[in-house]
Amino acid sequence: MRGLSFCLANFANLLYYLFPFFERIPVKFMSLQIENMVTLVSRTGRELQRYEKGSRLVVGCIPYRYKKKQSSFDGTLIEELEVLMISAQKGQAMLFPKGGWELDESMEQAALRETIEEAGVIGDIERKLGKWRYKSKSQGIIHDAYMFPLLVKKQLDIWPEKSIRNRRWMTVKEARESCKNWWMRDALDEFVHRKNLS
């Protein structure tokens, strides 16, 4: 019985090491579903967390895409900007993926990792939107948060936090109404402002 629990506990690590092997097998020999999975296990603990002047440093992304839809005015195809929000671990509050920036990664690497872990999407990270300072409700400590836009290229079917989070694509207006964190709404406004200028 101990051997079985050891195997189950290390199954994710085994997949991580076997994944490069699976990538070399032609797709026709494997189910296409593997292409939409990630073998990453969510990082836990605070041992590697970055702090600066007593503030915990966190990073995150505003995942977005353009969805084609028919204009109700004249029937032409238009592209509507949508953002991806996820549910909080506890409760139904909606937010953007974010988490601790760790010592062994760059700011951008941490933002991408958190987005894969929490939202199950992969894409192209863009220039930093800014920095926001807020106080954690649960821990009562100050956080300095950095947010990035992420143009989504792939949405995974299986990702590390799938069992504890829901994800939902929504319009910017819906996202602004759904988001309970003032600083994330500010980051969303900055993102929209930047997109309107380009």
Protein backbone atom coordinates (compact mmCIF):
# COMPACT_ATOMS: atom_id res chain seq x y z
CA MET A 1 0.00 0.00 0.00
CA ARG A 2 2.89 2.39 0.76
CA GLY A 3 4.29 1.78 -2.72
CA LEU A 4 0.98 2.76 -4.31
CA SER A 5 0.74 6.01 -2.35
CA PHE A 6 4.35 6.82 -3.29
CA CYS A 7 3.54 6.26 -6.97
CA LEU A 8 0.43 8.43 -6.83
CA ALA A 9 2.23 11.21 -4.96
CA ASN A 10 4.97 11.31 -7.59
CA PHE A 11 2.80 10.80 -10.69
CA ALA A 12 2.90 14.50 -11.64
CA ASN A 13 6.69 14.52 -11.38
CA LEU A 14 6.89 11.42 -13.56
CA LEU A 15 4.73 13.09 -16.22
CA TYR A 16 6.94 16.18 -16.08
CA TYR A 17 10.03 14.12 -16.91
CA LEU A 18 8.27 12.01 -19.56
CA PHE A 19 6.64 14.96 -21.35
CA PRO A 20 9.67 15.72 -23.61
CA PHE A 21 9.54 12.07 -24.74
CA PHE A 22 5.82 12.36 -25.57
CA GLU A 23 6.46 15.50 -27.63
CA ARG A 24 8.67 13.53 -30.04
CA ILE A 25 5.98 10.94 -30.79
CA PRO A 26 4.01 11.82 -33.94
CA VAL A 27 0.54 13.11 -33.09
CA LYS A 28 -1.16 10.41 -35.15
CA PHE A 29 0.02 7.88 -32.54
CA MET A 30 -1.29 9.81 -29.56
CA SER A 31 -4.58 11.30 -28.56
CA LEU A 32 -4.82 15.00 -29.43
CA GLN A 33 -6.04 15.62 -25.89
CA ILE A 34 -2.48 15.47 -24.55
CA GLU A 35 -1.76 18.60 -26.57
CA ASN A 36 -4.19 20.55 -24.39
CA MET A 37 -2.77 19.50 -21.03
CA VAL A 38 0.01 20.84 -18.89
CA THR A 39 2.06 18.68 -16.54
CA LEU A 40 3.01 21.51 -14.23
CA VAL A 41 2.16 21.18 -10.54
CA SER A 42 1.23 24.39 -8.72
CA ARG A 43 3.99 25.73 -6.53
CA THR A 44 3.10 26.04 -2.87
CA GLY A 45 4.73 27.56 0.19
CA ARG A 46 6.40 30.89 0.77
CA GLU A 47 10.06 29.83 1.10
CA LEU A 48 11.06 31.30 -2.29
CA GLN A 49 8.80 34.38 -2.18
CA ARG A 50 10.28 37.77 -2.99
CA TYR A 51 9.82 40.63 -0.54
CA GLU A 52 10.92 44.23 -0.88
CA LYS A 53 10.89 46.61 2.10
CA GLY A 54 8.41 44.35 3.90
CA SER A 55 6.00 44.04 0.95
CA ARG A 56 5.32 40.71 -0.73
CA LEU A 57 5.85 40.94 -4.49
CA VAL A 58 3.11 39.41 -6.64
CA VAL A 59 2.67 39.25 -10.40
CA GLY A 60 -0.20 38.40 -12.67
CA CYS A 61 -1.74 38.67 -16.10
CA ILE A 62 -4.86 39.92 -17.77
CA PRO A 63 -5.41 37.15 -20.33
CA TYR A 64 -7.24 38.42 -23.40
CA ARG A 65 -8.39 37.47 -26.89
CA TYR A 66 -10.36 38.93 -29.76
CA LYS A 67 -13.57 37.10 -30.54
CA LYS A 68 -15.25 37.54 -33.90
CA LYS A 69 -18.93 38.33 -33.70
CA GLN A 70 -21.56 39.70 -36.01
CA SER A 71 -22.50 43.33 -35.58
CA SER A 72 -26.15 43.76 -34.65
CA PHE A 73 -26.12 47.09 -36.53
CA ASP A 74 -25.16 46.04 -40.07
CA GLY A 75 -24.24 42.33 -39.85
CA THR A 76 -20.52 42.82 -40.51
CA LEU A 77 -17.97 40.80 -38.58
CA ILE A 78 -16.26 42.68 -35.77
CA GLU A 79 -13.63 41.63 -33.23
CA GLU A 80 -14.67 42.05 -29.61
CA LEU A 81 -12.06 42.20 -26.85
CA GLU A 82 -12.62 39.57 -24.15
CA VAL A 83 -10.68 38.95 -20.94
CA LEU A 84 -10.41 35.74 -18.94
CA MET A 85 -11.25 35.81 -15.25
CA ILE A 86 -10.98 33.04 -12.70
CA SER A 87 -12.76 32.33 -9.45
CA ALA A 88 -10.98 32.86 -6.15
CA GLN A 89 -9.86 29.72 -4.30
CA LYS A 90 -12.39 30.47 -1.58
CA GLY A 91 -15.73 31.85 -2.66
CA GLN A 92 -17.02 32.93 -6.02
CA ALA A 93 -15.23 36.29 -6.39
CA MET A 94 -13.78 36.74 -9.87
CA LEU A 95 -10.24 37.96 -10.41
CA PHE A 96 -7.27 37.80 -12.76
CA PRO A 97 -4.59 35.13 -12.24
CA LYS A 98 -1.79 36.30 -9.95
CA GLY A 99 0.55 35.00 -7.31
CA GLY A 100 3.93 35.25 -5.68
CA TRP A 101 7.03 36.22 -7.62
CA GLU A 102 9.70 33.73 -6.57
CA LEU A 103 13.47 34.08 -6.29
CA ASP A 104 14.31 31.63 -9.09
CA GLU A 105 12.34 33.35 -11.86
CA SER A 106 12.00 36.66 -13.66
CA MET A 107 8.90 38.79 -13.20
CA GLU A 108 7.58 37.70 -16.62
CA GLN A 109 8.29 34.01 -15.95
CA ALA A 110 6.37 34.23 -12.67
CA ALA A 111 3.40 35.95 -14.36
CA LEU A 112 3.28 33.25 -17.05
CA ARG A 113 3.59 30.45 -14.48
CA GLU A 114 0.78 31.83 -12.34
CA THR A 115 -1.45 32.21 -15.39
CA ILE A 116 -0.86 28.61 -16.48
CA GLU A 117 -1.37 27.28 -12.94
CA GLU A 118 -4.53 29.24 -12.14
CA ALA A 119 -6.22 29.87 -15.51
CA GLY A 120 -4.81 27.16 -17.78
CA VAL A 121 -3.90 29.45 -20.66
CA ILE A 122 -0.66 30.06 -22.56
CA GLY A 123 0.20 33.06 -24.67
CA ASP A 124 2.38 36.04 -25.44
CA ILE A 125 3.16 38.33 -22.52
CA GLU A 126 3.29 42.04 -23.24
CA ARG A 127 4.80 45.12 -21.60
CA LYS A 128 4.05 45.58 -17.89
CA LEU A 129 0.89 47.59 -17.14
CA GLY A 130 2.12 49.00 -13.86
CA LYS A 131 2.49 48.47 -10.13
CA TRP A 132 -0.28 48.51 -7.51
CA ARG A 133 0.06 48.41 -3.73
CA TYR A 134 -2.71 46.77 -1.71
CA LYS A 135 -3.26 45.16 1.68
CA SER A 136 -4.17 41.48 1.77
CA LYS A 137 -7.52 40.88 3.45
CA SER A 138 -6.61 37.39 4.63
CA GLN A 139 -3.03 37.99 5.80
CA GLY A 140 -3.06 41.71 6.54
CA ILE A 141 0.28 42.30 4.81
CA ILE A 142 1.14 44.77 2.08
CA HIS A 143 1.58 43.45 -1.46
CA ASP A 144 3.18 45.16 -4.45
CA ALA A 145 1.47 43.75 -7.54
CA TYR A 146 2.70 43.94 -11.14
CA MET A 147 0.30 43.08 -13.96
CA PHE A 148 0.91 42.19 -17.61
CA PRO A 149 -1.41 41.72 -20.60
CA LEU A 150 -1.28 38.20 -22.06
CA LEU A 151 -2.57 37.53 -25.58
CA VAL A 152 -3.90 33.98 -25.27
CA LYS A 153 -2.68 31.52 -27.90
CA LYS A 154 -3.81 28.26 -26.28
CA GLN A 155 -6.44 27.29 -23.73
CA LEU A 156 -5.66 24.05 -21.91
CA ASP A 157 -8.25 21.41 -21.03
CA ILE A 158 -6.29 20.26 -17.99
CA TRP A 159 -4.21 22.55 -15.76
CA PRO A 160 -2.97 22.45 -12.15
CA GLU A 161 -5.81 24.37 -10.45
CA LYS A 162 -8.68 23.17 -12.63
CA SER A 163 -10.35 21.41 -9.69
CA ILE A 164 -10.42 24.53 -7.48
CA ARG A 165 -11.08 27.34 -9.97
CA ASN A 166 -13.62 28.23 -12.62
CA ARG A 167 -12.61 30.37 -15.58
CA ARG A 168 -14.84 32.53 -17.72
CA TRP A 169 -14.32 34.70 -20.78
CA MET A 170 -16.16 38.00 -20.52
CA THR A 171 -16.37 41.44 -22.04
CA VAL A 172 -14.37 44.24 -20.45
CA LYS A 173 -17.62 45.72 -19.07
CA GLU A 174 -18.59 42.39 -17.46
CA ALA A 175 -15.08 41.97 -16.05
CA ARG A 176 -15.11 45.45 -14.51
CA GLU A 177 -18.47 44.67 -12.85
CA SER A 178 -17.37 41.20 -11.68
CA CYS A 179 -13.96 42.10 -10.27
CA LYS A 180 -14.04 42.90 -6.54
CA ASN A 181 -10.39 44.03 -6.28
CA TRP A 182 -10.00 47.78 -6.86
CA TRP A 183 -6.41 47.42 -8.01
CA MET A 184 -7.31 44.76 -10.59
CA ARG A 185 -10.02 47.07 -11.96
CA ASP A 186 -7.36 49.79 -12.21
CA ALA A 187 -5.06 47.38 -14.07
CA LEU A 188 -7.95 46.49 -16.41
CA ASP A 189 -8.57 50.19 -17.08
CA GLU A 190 -4.88 50.69 -17.88
CA PHE A 191 -4.99 47.68 -20.22
CA VAL A 192 -8.06 49.01 -22.06
CA HIS A 193 -6.52 52.49 -22.30
CA ARG A 194 -3.38 50.98 -23.87
CA LYS A 195 -5.41 48.89 -26.36
CA ASN A 196 -7.44 51.97 -27.38
CA LEU A 197 -4.23 53.86 -28.14
CA SER A 198 -2.80 51.12 -30.36
